[in-house]
Amino acid sequence: MNIKDVEKLAELAKIELSEDEKKKILSDMEGILEYVKTIENVDVGDIIPQYELHNAWREDKTEPREFNKELIAGQFPDSQDGFLKVKKIL
């Protein structure tokens, strides 16, 4: 990785970076890439992956609710001739 790569990433992210920021990001990225190389070298040949599957879903439950015109109209702030009045939206 070099400064040109950092500049390209900054361009893709649509951010402006000073020269000091570019050098700092380059240093950070090199550290991250070195760490990834270290992880890649870990021997996991004898490890057998084990997965524990379980159902995380719950059964849907419906609760009966009382909905009727009078109940809703009673909770609404303004009505006229059986209609609910709302503010005009332009």
N, C-alpha and C. Protein backbone atom coordinates (compact mmCIF):
# COMPACT_ATOMS: atom_id res chain seq x y z
N MET A 1 0.86 -1.18 0.00
CA MET A 1 0.00 0.00 0.00
C MET A 1 0.90 1.23 0.00
N ASN A 2 0.48 2.26 -0.76
CA ASN A 2 1.27 3.49 -0.80
C ASN A 2 0.35 4.71 -0.75
N ILE A 3 0.95 5.89 -0.84
CA ILE A 3 0.19 7.14 -0.73
C ILE A 3 -0.87 7.24 -1.84
N LYS A 4 -0.57 6.75 -3.03
CA LYS A 4 -1.53 6.78 -4.14
C LYS A 4 -2.79 5.99 -3.79
N ASP A 5 -2.62 4.86 -3.09
CA ASP A 5 -3.78 4.07 -2.66
C ASP A 5 -4.63 4.85 -1.67
N VAL A 6 -3.97 5.54 -0.75
CA VAL A 6 -4.71 6.35 0.23
C VAL A 6 -5.44 7.48 -0.47
N GLU A 7 -4.79 8.11 -1.44
CA GLU A 7 -5.44 9.19 -2.19
C GLU A 7 -6.66 8.67 -2.95
N LYS A 8 -6.54 7.49 -3.53
CA LYS A 8 -7.66 6.90 -4.26
C LYS A 8 -8.82 6.61 -3.30
N LEU A 9 -8.51 6.05 -2.12
CA LEU A 9 -9.56 5.79 -1.13
C LEU A 9 -10.23 7.08 -0.68
N ALA A 10 -9.44 8.13 -0.48
CA ALA A 10 -10.01 9.42 -0.08
C ALA A 10 -10.90 9.98 -1.18
N GLU A 11 -10.48 9.79 -2.43
CA GLU A 11 -11.30 10.25 -3.55
C GLU A 11 -12.62 9.49 -3.61
N LEU A 12 -12.57 8.18 -3.42
CA LEU A 12 -13.79 7.38 -3.44
C LEU A 12 -14.72 7.75 -2.28
N ALA A 13 -14.13 8.09 -1.13
CA ALA A 13 -14.92 8.48 0.04
C ALA A 13 -15.33 9.95 -0.01
N LYS A 14 -14.84 10.65 -1.03
CA LYS A 14 -15.15 12.07 -1.21
C LYS A 14 -14.76 12.90 0.01
N ILE A 15 -13.53 12.65 0.50
CA ILE A 15 -12.99 13.43 1.61
C ILE A 15 -11.66 14.01 1.19
N GLU A 16 -11.33 15.14 1.78
CA GLU A 16 -10.04 15.78 1.52
C GLU A 16 -9.12 15.51 2.70
N LEU A 17 -7.88 15.15 2.38
CA LEU A 17 -6.90 14.85 3.41
C LEU A 17 -5.65 15.68 3.20
N SER A 18 -5.08 16.14 4.30
CA SER A 18 -3.80 16.83 4.21
C SER A 18 -2.70 15.78 4.05
N GLU A 19 -1.50 16.22 3.75
CA GLU A 19 -0.39 15.28 3.58
C GLU A 19 -0.11 14.52 4.87
N ASP A 20 -0.22 15.21 6.01
CA ASP A 20 0.00 14.54 7.31
C ASP A 20 -1.06 13.47 7.55
N GLU A 21 -2.33 13.78 7.21
CA GLU A 21 -3.40 12.81 7.39
C GLU A 21 -3.20 11.60 6.49
N LYS A 22 -2.75 11.84 5.26
CA LYS A 22 -2.48 10.73 4.34
C LYS A 22 -1.40 9.81 4.90
N LYS A 23 -0.33 10.41 5.44
CA LYS A 23 0.76 9.60 6.01
C LYS A 23 0.28 8.82 7.23
N LYS A 24 -0.55 9.44 8.05
CA LYS A 24 -1.08 8.77 9.25
C LYS A 24 -1.98 7.60 8.84
N ILE A 25 -2.85 7.82 7.85
CA ILE A 25 -3.74 6.75 7.39
C ILE A 25 -2.93 5.62 6.78
N LEU A 26 -1.90 5.97 6.01
CA LEU A 26 -1.03 4.94 5.41
C LEU A 26 -0.38 4.10 6.49
N SER A 27 0.10 4.76 7.52
CA SER A 27 0.72 4.03 8.64
C SER A 27 -0.30 3.12 9.33
N ASP A 28 -1.50 3.62 9.57
CA ASP A 28 -2.54 2.82 10.20
C ASP A 28 -2.92 1.62 9.34
N MET A 29 -3.07 1.85 8.03
CA MET A 29 -3.45 0.76 7.12
C MET A 29 -2.36 -0.31 7.05
N GLU A 30 -1.10 0.11 7.05
CA GLU A 30 -0.01 -0.86 7.03
C GLU A 30 -0.04 -1.71 8.30
N GLY A 31 -0.34 -1.09 9.44
CA GLY A 31 -0.46 -1.84 10.69
C GLY A 31 -1.59 -2.85 10.64
N ILE A 32 -2.71 -2.43 10.07
CA ILE A 32 -3.86 -3.33 9.94
C ILE A 32 -3.53 -4.50 9.02
N LEU A 33 -2.89 -4.21 7.89
CA LEU A 33 -2.53 -5.28 6.95
C LEU A 33 -1.52 -6.25 7.56
N GLU A 34 -0.60 -5.76 8.35
CA GLU A 34 0.36 -6.64 9.04
C GLU A 34 -0.36 -7.55 10.02
N TYR A 35 -1.35 -7.02 10.73
CA TYR A 35 -2.12 -7.81 11.67
C TYR A 35 -2.90 -8.89 10.94
N VAL A 36 -3.47 -8.56 9.80
CA VAL A 36 -4.21 -9.54 9.01
C VAL A 36 -3.28 -10.65 8.54
N LYS A 37 -2.05 -10.30 8.14
CA LYS A 37 -1.07 -11.32 7.73
C LYS A 37 -0.76 -12.25 8.90
N THR A 38 -0.66 -11.69 10.10
CA THR A 38 -0.39 -12.51 11.29
C THR A 38 -1.54 -13.48 11.53
N ILE A 39 -2.76 -13.01 11.39
CA ILE A 39 -3.93 -13.87 11.59
C ILE A 39 -3.98 -14.96 10.53
N GLU A 40 -3.62 -14.62 9.29
CA GLU A 40 -3.64 -15.62 8.21
C GLU A 40 -2.67 -16.76 8.48
N ASN A 41 -1.62 -16.52 9.22
CA ASN A 41 -0.61 -17.54 9.48
C ASN A 41 -0.95 -18.46 10.65
N VAL A 42 -2.05 -18.24 11.33
CA VAL A 42 -2.45 -19.08 12.45
C VAL A 42 -2.87 -20.45 11.91
N ASP A 43 -2.33 -21.51 12.51
CA ASP A 43 -2.65 -22.87 12.08
C ASP A 43 -3.96 -23.31 12.75
N VAL A 44 -4.97 -23.55 11.94
CA VAL A 44 -6.26 -24.01 12.44
C VAL A 44 -6.64 -25.34 11.79
N GLY A 45 -5.64 -26.08 11.34
CA GLY A 45 -5.88 -27.31 10.60
C GLY A 45 -6.62 -28.38 11.38
N ASP A 46 -6.39 -28.52 12.68
CA ASP A 46 -6.99 -29.60 13.47
C ASP A 46 -8.30 -29.18 14.13
N ILE A 47 -8.71 -27.95 13.95
CA ILE A 47 -9.92 -27.48 14.60
C ILE A 47 -11.12 -27.79 13.73
N ILE A 48 -12.11 -28.44 14.34
CA ILE A 48 -13.34 -28.77 13.64
C ILE A 48 -14.39 -27.75 14.04
N PRO A 49 -14.91 -27.00 13.07
CA PRO A 49 -15.93 -26.01 13.42
C PRO A 49 -17.20 -26.69 13.91
N GLN A 50 -17.76 -26.14 14.96
CA GLN A 50 -19.00 -26.67 15.51
C GLN A 50 -20.02 -25.55 15.53
N TYR A 51 -21.18 -25.88 15.02
CA TYR A 51 -22.25 -24.90 14.97
C TYR A 51 -23.43 -25.42 15.78
N GLU A 52 -23.99 -24.55 16.56
CA GLU A 52 -25.16 -24.90 17.35
C GLU A 52 -26.35 -24.14 16.78
N LEU A 53 -27.19 -24.85 16.08
CA LEU A 53 -28.33 -24.22 15.44
C LEU A 53 -29.55 -24.29 16.36
N HIS A 54 -30.28 -23.22 16.42
CA HIS A 54 -31.53 -23.23 17.17
C HIS A 54 -32.48 -22.20 16.55
N ASN A 55 -33.73 -22.39 16.78
CA ASN A 55 -34.76 -21.52 16.22
C ASN A 55 -34.90 -20.29 17.11
N ALA A 56 -34.65 -19.13 16.53
CA ALA A 56 -34.76 -17.89 17.28
C ALA A 56 -36.10 -17.20 17.03
N TRP A 57 -36.98 -17.82 16.27
CA TRP A 57 -38.27 -17.22 15.96
C TRP A 57 -39.27 -17.51 17.08
N ARG A 58 -40.20 -16.65 17.21
CA ARG A 58 -41.28 -16.86 18.18
C ARG A 58 -42.58 -16.98 17.40
N GLU A 59 -43.52 -17.58 18.03
CA GLU A 59 -44.84 -17.71 17.41
C GLU A 59 -45.53 -16.36 17.44
N ASP A 60 -46.17 -16.01 16.35
CA ASP A 60 -46.94 -14.77 16.31
C ASP A 60 -48.21 -14.93 17.14
N LYS A 61 -48.50 -13.90 17.91
CA LYS A 61 -49.71 -13.90 18.71
C LYS A 61 -50.51 -12.66 18.33
N THR A 62 -51.76 -12.85 18.14
CA THR A 62 -52.63 -11.71 17.87
C THR A 62 -53.44 -11.41 19.12
N GLU A 63 -53.56 -10.14 19.39
CA GLU A 63 -54.35 -9.72 20.54
C GLU A 63 -55.60 -9.02 20.01
N PRO A 64 -56.74 -9.44 20.46
CA PRO A 64 -57.96 -8.78 19.98
C PRO A 64 -58.00 -7.33 20.44
N ARG A 65 -58.38 -6.46 19.53
CA ARG A 65 -58.48 -5.04 19.87
C ARG A 65 -59.85 -4.54 19.44
N GLU A 66 -60.31 -3.59 20.18
CA GLU A 66 -61.60 -2.97 19.87
C GLU A 66 -61.36 -1.77 18.97
N PHE A 67 -61.79 -1.88 17.73
CA PHE A 67 -61.73 -0.74 16.82
C PHE A 67 -63.14 -0.51 16.29
N ASN A 68 -63.60 0.67 16.56
CA ASN A 68 -64.88 1.06 15.97
C ASN A 68 -64.84 2.57 15.73
N LYS A 69 -65.75 3.02 14.94
CA LYS A 69 -65.76 4.42 14.51
C LYS A 69 -65.89 5.38 15.69
N GLU A 70 -66.74 5.04 16.63
CA GLU A 70 -66.96 5.94 17.77
C GLU A 70 -65.72 6.04 18.65
N LEU A 71 -65.03 4.93 18.85
CA LEU A 71 -63.83 4.93 19.68
C LEU A 71 -62.74 5.80 19.04
N ILE A 72 -62.53 5.62 17.75
CA ILE A 72 -61.51 6.40 17.06
C ILE A 72 -61.90 7.87 17.01
N ALA A 73 -63.12 8.17 16.67
CA ALA A 73 -63.58 9.56 16.59
C ALA A 73 -63.49 10.25 17.95
N GLY A 74 -63.72 9.50 19.02
CA GLY A 74 -63.63 10.06 20.36
C GLY A 74 -62.22 10.44 20.75
N GLN A 75 -61.23 9.80 20.15
CA GLN A 75 -59.84 10.10 20.46
C GLN A 75 -59.25 11.16 19.54
N PHE A 76 -59.97 11.51 18.48
CA PHE A 76 -59.48 12.47 17.49
C PHE A 76 -59.82 13.88 17.95
N PRO A 77 -58.93 14.84 17.75
CA PRO A 77 -59.18 16.19 18.29
C PRO A 77 -60.31 16.95 17.61
N ASP A 78 -60.61 16.70 16.32
CA ASP A 78 -61.62 17.51 15.65
C ASP A 78 -62.34 16.68 14.60
N SER A 79 -63.67 16.81 14.52
CA SER A 79 -64.45 16.10 13.51
C SER A 79 -65.62 16.98 13.09
N GLN A 80 -66.18 16.65 11.91
CA GLN A 80 -67.32 17.42 11.41
C GLN A 80 -68.14 16.50 10.50
N ASP A 81 -69.43 16.42 10.75
CA ASP A 81 -70.36 15.61 9.96
C ASP A 81 -69.91 14.15 9.82
N GLY A 82 -69.36 13.61 10.89
CA GLY A 82 -68.94 12.21 10.88
C GLY A 82 -67.57 11.97 10.24
N PHE A 83 -66.90 13.04 9.82
CA PHE A 83 -65.56 12.92 9.24
C PHE A 83 -64.53 13.48 10.20
N LEU A 84 -63.34 12.93 10.19
CA LEU A 84 -62.25 13.42 11.03
C LEU A 84 -61.53 14.53 10.28
N LYS A 85 -61.33 15.67 10.95
CA LYS A 85 -60.71 16.81 10.30
C LYS A 85 -59.20 16.80 10.58
N VAL A 86 -58.46 17.05 9.52
CA VAL A 86 -57.00 17.13 9.64
C VAL A 86 -56.53 18.47 9.08
N LYS A 87 -55.29 18.82 9.39
CA LYS A 87 -54.74 20.08 8.87
C LYS A 87 -54.50 19.95 7.37
N LYS A 88 -54.66 21.08 6.68
CA LYS A 88 -54.44 21.11 5.24
C LYS A 88 -52.94 20.98 4.97
N ILE A 89 -52.61 20.13 4.02
CA ILE A 89 -51.22 19.95 3.61
C ILE A 89 -51.10 20.44 2.18
N LEU A 90 -50.18 21.37 1.97
CA LEU A 90 -50.02 21.92 0.62
C LEU A 90 -48.85 21.29 -0.08
